Amino acid sequence: GAEPTRRGCTIDKAAALAHIEETCRTYGIQLN
C-alpha cells in the first residue's frame, strides 16, 4: 500500500529494505 518504486513502475526492494531496517533500528523491533 506504500510501495517505494523505481521509475514509478517497479518496486524498489533496496529502498524498502533500507526503510524497514531504519524503522526496526529506531524502534528496537527485531524481524527478518
All heavy atoms as atom14 arrays in JSON, in Angstrom:
{
  "sequence": "GAEPTRRGCTIDKAAALAHIEETCRTYGIQLN",
  "atom14_mask": [
    [1, 1, 1, 1, 0, 0, 0, 0, 0, 0, 0, 0, 0, 0],
    [1, 1, 1, 1, 1, 0, 0, 0, 0, 0, 0, 0, 0, 0],
    [1, 1, 1, 1, 1, 1, 1, 1, 1, 0, 0, 0, 0, 0],
    [1, 1, 1, 1, 1, 1, 1, 0, 0, 0, 0, 0, 0, 0],
    [1, 1, 1, 1, 1, 1, 1, 0, 0, 0, 0, 0, 0, 0],
    [1, 1, 1, 1, 1, 1, 1, 1, 1, 1, 1, 0, 0, 0],
    [1, 1, 1, 1, 1, 1, 1, 1, 1, 1, 1, 0, 0, 0],
    [1, 1, 1, 1, 0, 0, 0, 0, 0, 0, 0, 0, 0, 0],
    [1, 1, 1, 1, 1, 1, 0, 0, 0, 0, 0, 0, 0, 0],
    [1, 1, 1, 1, 1, 1, 1, 0, 0, 0, 0, 0, 0, 0],
    [1, 1, 1, 1, 1, 1, 1, 1, 0, 0, 0, 0, 0, 0],
    [1, 1, 1, 1, 1, 1, 1, 1, 0, 0, 0, 0, 0, 0],
    [1, 1, 1, 1, 1, 1, 1, 1, 1, 0, 0, 0, 0, 0],
    [1, 1, 1, 1, 1, 0, 0, 0, 0, 0, 0, 0, 0, 0],
    [1, 1, 1, 1, 1, 0, 0, 0, 0, 0, 0, 0, 0, 0],
    [1, 1, 1, 1, 1, 0, 0, 0, 0, 0, 0, 0, 0, 0],
    [1, 1, 1, 1, 1, 1, 1, 1, 0, 0, 0, 0, 0, 0],
    [1, 1, 1, 1, 1, 0, 0, 0, 0, 0, 0, 0, 0, 0],
    [1, 1, 1, 1, 1, 1, 1, 1, 1, 1, 0, 0, 0, 0],
    [1, 1, 1, 1, 1, 1, 1, 1, 0, 0, 0, 0, 0, 0],
    [1, 1, 1, 1, 1, 1, 1, 1, 1, 0, 0, 0, 0, 0],
    [1, 1, 1, 1, 1, 1, 1, 1, 1, 0, 0, 0, 0, 0],
    [1, 1, 1, 1, 1, 1, 1, 0, 0, 0, 0, 0, 0, 0],
    [1, 1, 1, 1, 1, 1, 0, 0, 0, 0, 0, 0, 0, 0],
    [1, 1, 1, 1, 1, 1, 1, 1, 1, 1, 1, 0, 0, 0],
    [1, 1, 1, 1, 1, 1, 1, 0, 0, 0, 0, 0, 0, 0],
    [1, 1, 1, 1, 1, 1, 1, 1, 1, 1, 1, 1, 0, 0],
    [1, 1, 1, 1, 0, 0, 0, 0, 0, 0, 0, 0, 0, 0],
    [1, 1, 1, 1, 1, 1, 1, 1, 0, 0, 0, 0, 0, 0],
    [1, 1, 1, 1, 1, 1, 1, 1, 1, 0, 0, 0, 0, 0],
    [1, 1, 1, 1, 1, 1, 1, 1, 0, 0, 0, 0, 0, 0],
    [1, 1, 1, 1, 1, 1, 1, 1, 0, 0, 0, 0, 0, 0]
  ],
  "atom14_positions": [
    [[0.8, -1.22, 0.0], [0.0, 0.0, 0.0], [0.83, 1.27, 0.0], [0.31, 2.36, -0.19], [0.0, 0.0, 0.0], [0.0, 0.0, 0.0], [0.0, 0.0, 0.0], [0.0, 0.0, 0.0], [0.0, 0.0, 0.0], [0.0, 0.0, 0.0], [0.0, 0.0, 0.0], [0.0, 0.0, 0.0], [0.0, 0.0, 0.0], [0.0, 0.0, 0.0]],
    [[2.14, 1.12, 0.24], [3.03, 2.28, 0.25], [4.38, 1.87, -0.35], [5.44, 2.14, 0.19], [3.22, 2.79, 1.67], [0.0, 0.0, 0.0], [0.0, 0.0, 0.0], [0.0, 0.0, 0.0], [0.0, 0.0, 0.0], [0.0, 0.0, 0.0], [0.0, 0.0, 0.0], [0.0, 0.0, 0.0], [0.0, 0.0, 0.0], [0.0, 0.0, 0.0]],
    [[4.31, 1.19, -1.48], [5.49, 0.63, -2.11], [6.41, 1.7, -2.69], [5.96, 2.52, -3.48], [5.1, -0.34, -3.25], [4.26, -1.52, -2.82], [2.76, -1.25, -2.78], [2.35, -0.09, -3.0], [2.0, -2.19, -2.52], [0.0, 0.0, 0.0], [0.0, 0.0, 0.0], [0.0, 0.0, 0.0], [0.0, 0.0, 0.0], [0.0, 0.0, 0.0]],
    [[7.69, 1.67, -2.31], [8.65, 2.56, -2.98], [8.9, 2.01, -4.39], [9.02, 0.8, -4.56], [9.9, 2.47, -2.11], [9.8, 1.15, -1.43], [8.33, 0.86, -1.27], [0.0, 0.0, 0.0], [0.0, 0.0, 0.0], [0.0, 0.0, 0.0], [0.0, 0.0, 0.0], [0.0, 0.0, 0.0], [0.0, 0.0, 0.0], [0.0, 0.0, 0.0]],
    [[8.94, 2.88, -5.36], [9.1, 2.41, -6.74], [10.3, 3.05, -7.42], [10.75, 4.12, -7.02], [7.84, 2.69, -7.59], [7.59, 4.1, -7.58], [6.63, 1.95, -7.07], [0.0, 0.0, 0.0], [0.0, 0.0, 0.0], [0.0, 0.0, 0.0], [0.0, 0.0, 0.0], [0.0, 0.0, 0.0], [0.0, 0.0, 0.0], [0.0, 0.0, 0.0]],
    [[10.77, 2.37, -8.44], [11.81, 2.86, -9.31], [11.16, 3.24, -10.62], [10.46, 2.43, -11.22], [12.84, 1.75, -9.58], [14.21, 2.07, -9.04], [15.19, 0.97, -9.34], [14.85, -0.16, -8.47], [14.87, -1.43, -8.84], [15.22, -1.77, -10.04], [14.54, -2.37, -8.0], [0.0, 0.0, 0.0], [0.0, 0.0, 0.0], [0.0, 0.0, 0.0]],
    [[11.33, 4.48, -11.02], [10.74, 4.99, -12.25], [9.22, 4.81, -12.27], [8.61, 4.68, -13.33], [11.37, 4.33, -13.47], [12.84, 4.63, -13.59], [13.43, 4.07, -14.88], [14.86, 3.96, -14.7], [15.55, 2.85, -14.89], [14.96, 1.77, -15.29], [16.85, 2.85, -14.69], [0.0, 0.0, 0.0], [0.0, 0.0, 0.0], [0.0, 0.0, 0.0]],
    [[8.62, 4.75, -11.09], [7.17, 4.69, -10.99], [6.52, 3.38, -11.38], [5.3, 3.29, -11.4], [0.0, 0.0, 0.0], [0.0, 0.0, 0.0], [0.0, 0.0, 0.0], [0.0, 0.0, 0.0], [0.0, 0.0, 0.0], [0.0, 0.0, 0.0], [0.0, 0.0, 0.0], [0.0, 0.0, 0.0], [0.0, 0.0, 0.0], [0.0, 0.0, 0.0]],
    [[7.32, 2.35, -11.68], [6.65, 1.14, -12.16], [7.12, -0.15, -11.5], [6.37, -1.11, -11.47], [6.77, 1.02, -13.68], [8.47, 0.96, -14.25], [0.0, 0.0, 0.0], [0.0, 0.0, 0.0], [0.0, 0.0, 0.0], [0.0, 0.0, 0.0], [0.0, 0.0, 0.0], [0.0, 0.0, 0.0], [0.0, 0.0, 0.0], [0.0, 0.0, 0.0]],
    [[8.32, -0.21, -10.95], [8.76, -1.44, -10.29], [9.09, -1.14, -8.83], [9.55, -0.05, -8.49], [10.01, -2.04, -10.97], [11.07, -1.08, -10.93], [9.72, -2.43, -12.41], [0.0, 0.0, 0.0], [0.0, 0.0, 0.0], [0.0, 0.0, 0.0], [0.0, 0.0, 0.0], [0.0, 0.0, 0.0], [0.0, 0.0, 0.0], [0.0, 0.0, 0.0]],
    [[8.86, -2.11, -7.99], [9.13, -1.94, -6.57], [10.64, -1.85, -6.36], [11.41, -2.65, -6.88], [8.54, -3.11, -5.76], [7.01, -3.04, -5.81], [9.04, -3.08, -4.31], [6.3, -4.19, -5.14], [0.0, 0.0, 0.0], [0.0, 0.0, 0.0], [0.0, 0.0, 0.0], [0.0, 0.0, 0.0], [0.0, 0.0, 0.0], [0.0, 0.0, 0.0]],
    [[11.03, -0.85, -5.59], [12.44, -0.64, -5.25], [12.71, -1.4, -3.95], [12.56, -0.86, -2.85], [12.72, 0.85, -5.1], [14.19, 1.16, -4.9], [14.96, 0.24, -4.57], [14.55, 2.34, -5.08], [0.0, 0.0, 0.0], [0.0, 0.0, 0.0], [0.0, 0.0, 0.0], [0.0, 0.0, 0.0], [0.0, 0.0, 0.0], [0.0, 0.0, 0.0]],
    [[13.12, -2.66, -4.1], [13.34, -3.52, -2.94], [14.43, -2.97, -2.04], [14.29, -3.0, -0.82], [13.68, -4.95, -3.38], [13.88, -5.9, -2.22], [14.18, -7.32, -2.66], [14.4, -8.22, -1.47], [14.75, -9.6, -1.86], [0.0, 0.0, 0.0], [0.0, 0.0, 0.0], [0.0, 0.0, 0.0], [0.0, 0.0, 0.0], [0.0, 0.0, 0.0]],
    [[15.5, -2.44, -2.61], [16.58, -1.89, -1.8], [16.09, -0.74, -0.92], [16.43, -0.67, 0.27], [17.73, -1.43, -2.69], [0.0, 0.0, 0.0], [0.0, 0.0, 0.0], [0.0, 0.0, 0.0], [0.0, 0.0, 0.0], [0.0, 0.0, 0.0], [0.0, 0.0, 0.0], [0.0, 0.0, 0.0], [0.0, 0.0, 0.0], [0.0, 0.0, 0.0]],
    [[15.28, 0.14, -1.49], [14.73, 1.25, -0.71], [13.79, 0.74, 0.37], [13.79, 1.23, 1.5], [14.0, 2.23, -1.63], [0.0, 0.0, 0.0], [0.0, 0.0, 0.0], [0.0, 0.0, 0.0], [0.0, 0.0, 0.0], [0.0, 0.0, 0.0], [0.0, 0.0, 0.0], [0.0, 0.0, 0.0], [0.0, 0.0, 0.0], [0.0, 0.0, 0.0]],
    [[12.99, -0.28, 0.02], [12.06, -0.86, 1.0], [12.84, -1.47, 2.17], [12.51, -1.23, 3.34], [11.19, -1.91, 0.33], [0.0, 0.0, 0.0], [0.0, 0.0, 0.0], [0.0, 0.0, 0.0], [0.0, 0.0, 0.0], [0.0, 0.0, 0.0], [0.0, 0.0, 0.0], [0.0, 0.0, 0.0], [0.0, 0.0, 0.0], [0.0, 0.0, 0.0]],
    [[13.85, -2.26, 1.87], [14.65, -2.9, 2.91], [15.37, -1.86, 3.77], [15.46, -2.02, 5.0], [15.64, -3.89, 2.3], [15.01, -5.15, 1.7], [16.06, -5.98, 0.97], [14.3, -5.98, 2.75], [0.0, 0.0, 0.0], [0.0, 0.0, 0.0], [0.0, 0.0, 0.0], [0.0, 0.0, 0.0], [0.0, 0.0, 0.0], [0.0, 0.0, 0.0]],
    [[15.87, -0.8, 3.16], [16.55, 0.26, 3.9], [15.58, 0.94, 4.87], [15.93, 1.21, 6.03], [17.16, 1.28, 2.95], [0.0, 0.0, 0.0], [0.0, 0.0, 0.0], [0.0, 0.0, 0.0], [0.0, 0.0, 0.0], [0.0, 0.0, 0.0], [0.0, 0.0, 0.0], [0.0, 0.0, 0.0], [0.0, 0.0, 0.0], [0.0, 0.0, 0.0]],
    [[14.35, 1.21, 4.41], [13.35, 1.86, 5.26], [12.95, 0.92, 6.41], [12.81, 1.37, 7.56], [12.13, 2.25, 4.42], [11.16, 3.12, 5.14], [9.89, 3.33, 4.69], [11.25, 3.85, 6.29], [9.26, 4.13, 5.52], [10.07, 4.46, 6.49], [0.0, 0.0, 0.0], [0.0, 0.0, 0.0], [0.0, 0.0, 0.0], [0.0, 0.0, 0.0]],
    [[12.78, -0.36, 6.11], [12.43, -1.33, 7.14], [13.55, -1.43, 8.17], [13.3, -1.38, 9.38], [12.14, -2.71, 6.51], [10.83, -2.66, 5.73], [12.12, -3.82, 7.56], [10.6, -3.84, 4.8], [0.0, 0.0, 0.0], [0.0, 0.0, 0.0], [0.0, 0.0, 0.0], [0.0, 0.0, 0.0], [0.0, 0.0, 0.0], [0.0, 0.0, 0.0]],
    [[14.8, -1.52, 7.7], [15.94, -1.62, 8.61], [16.04, -0.39, 9.5], [16.24, -0.5, 10.71], [17.23, -1.79, 7.8], [18.46, -1.95, 8.65], [19.72, -2.11, 7.81], [19.72, -2.91, 6.86], [20.71, -1.39, 8.12], [0.0, 0.0, 0.0], [0.0, 0.0, 0.0], [0.0, 0.0, 0.0], [0.0, 0.0, 0.0], [0.0, 0.0, 0.0]],
    [[15.87, 0.78, 8.92], [15.94, 2.03, 9.69], [14.83, 2.08, 10.74], [15.06, 2.44, 11.9], [15.82, 3.23, 8.76], [15.8, 4.55, 9.47], [15.51, 5.72, 8.53], [15.62, 5.56, 7.3], [15.16, 6.79, 9.06], [0.0, 0.0, 0.0], [0.0, 0.0, 0.0], [0.0, 0.0, 0.0], [0.0, 0.0, 0.0], [0.0, 0.0, 0.0]],
    [[13.61, 1.72, 10.36], [12.48, 1.75, 11.29], [12.68, 0.73, 12.4], [12.45, 1.04, 13.58], [11.16, 1.49, 10.55], [11.03, 2.44, 9.48], [9.97, 1.64, 11.48], [0.0, 0.0, 0.0], [0.0, 0.0, 0.0], [0.0, 0.0, 0.0], [0.0, 0.0, 0.0], [0.0, 0.0, 0.0], [0.0, 0.0, 0.0], [0.0, 0.0, 0.0]],
    [[13.12, -0.47, 12.06], [13.37, -1.5, 13.08], [14.46, -1.04, 14.06], [14.32, -1.22, 15.27], [13.78, -2.82, 12.42], [12.42, -3.72, 11.65], [0.0, 0.0, 0.0], [0.0, 0.0, 0.0], [0.0, 0.0, 0.0], [0.0, 0.0, 0.0], [0.0, 0.0, 0.0], [0.0, 0.0, 0.0], [0.0, 0.0, 0.0], [0.0, 0.0, 0.0]],
    [[15.52, -0.44, 13.55], [16.61, 0.04, 14.4], [16.11, 1.17, 15.31], [16.38, 1.18, 16.51], [17.78, 0.5, 13.54], [19.02, 0.88, 14.33], [20.23, 1.23, 13.47], [19.94, 2.19, 12.42], [19.89, 1.9, 11.11], [20.1, 0.67, 10.7], [19.62, 2.84, 10.22], [0.0, 0.0, 0.0], [0.0, 0.0, 0.0], [0.0, 0.0, 0.0]],
    [[15.36, 2.1, 14.74], [14.86, 3.25, 15.51], [13.98, 2.81, 16.67], [14.08, 3.34, 17.77], [14.06, 4.2, 14.58], [14.95, 4.69, 13.57], [13.48, 5.37, 15.37], [0.0, 0.0, 0.0], [0.0, 0.0, 0.0], [0.0, 0.0, 0.0], [0.0, 0.0, 0.0], [0.0, 0.0, 0.0], [0.0, 0.0, 0.0], [0.0, 0.0, 0.0]],
    [[13.1, 1.83, 16.43], [12.12, 1.44, 17.45], [12.45, 0.13, 18.16], [11.65, -0.37, 18.94], [10.73, 1.35, 16.81], [10.25, 2.69, 16.33], [10.29, 3.02, 14.98], [9.78, 3.65, 17.23], [9.86, 4.27, 14.54], [9.37, 4.89, 16.79], [9.41, 5.19, 15.44], [8.99, 6.42, 15.02], [0.0, 0.0, 0.0], [0.0, 0.0, 0.0]],
    [[13.61, -0.44, 17.88], [14.03, -1.66, 18.57], [13.2, -2.88, 18.22], [12.96, -3.74, 19.07], [0.0, 0.0, 0.0], [0.0, 0.0, 0.0], [0.0, 0.0, 0.0], [0.0, 0.0, 0.0], [0.0, 0.0, 0.0], [0.0, 0.0, 0.0], [0.0, 0.0, 0.0], [0.0, 0.0, 0.0], [0.0, 0.0, 0.0], [0.0, 0.0, 0.0]],
    [[12.75, -2.96, 16.97], [11.95, -4.1, 16.52], [12.88, -5.09, 15.82], [13.67, -4.71, 14.96], [10.84, -3.64, 15.55], [9.89, -2.69, 16.27], [10.09, -4.83, 14.97], [8.88, -2.01, 15.35], [0.0, 0.0, 0.0], [0.0, 0.0, 0.0], [0.0, 0.0, 0.0], [0.0, 0.0, 0.0], [0.0, 0.0, 0.0], [0.0, 0.0, 0.0]],
    [[12.77, -6.36, 16.2], [13.61, -7.38, 15.59], [12.77, -8.26, 14.68], [11.87, -8.95, 15.14], [14.31, -8.21, 16.65], [15.29, -7.4, 17.47], [16.02, -8.22, 18.48], [15.78, -9.4, 18.67], [16.98, -7.6, 19.17], [0.0, 0.0, 0.0], [0.0, 0.0, 0.0], [0.0, 0.0, 0.0], [0.0, 0.0, 0.0], [0.0, 0.0, 0.0]],
    [[13.07, -8.2, 13.39], [12.4, -9.01, 12.38], [13.38, -9.34, 11.27], [14.28, -8.57, 10.98], [11.21, -8.24, 11.77], [10.0, -8.0, 12.64], [9.07, -6.98, 11.99], [9.26, -9.3, 12.9], [0.0, 0.0, 0.0], [0.0, 0.0, 0.0], [0.0, 0.0, 0.0], [0.0, 0.0, 0.0], [0.0, 0.0, 0.0], [0.0, 0.0, 0.0]],
    [[13.16, -10.48, 10.62], [13.93, -10.86, 9.44], [13.09, -10.49, 8.22], [12.08, -11.15, 7.95], [14.24, -12.35, 9.45], [14.91, -12.83, 8.19], [15.16, -12.05, 7.25], [15.2, -14.12, 8.14], [0.0, 0.0, 0.0], [0.0, 0.0, 0.0], [0.0, 0.0, 0.0], [0.0, 0.0, 0.0], [0.0, 0.0, 0.0], [0.0, 0.0, 0.0]]
  ]
}
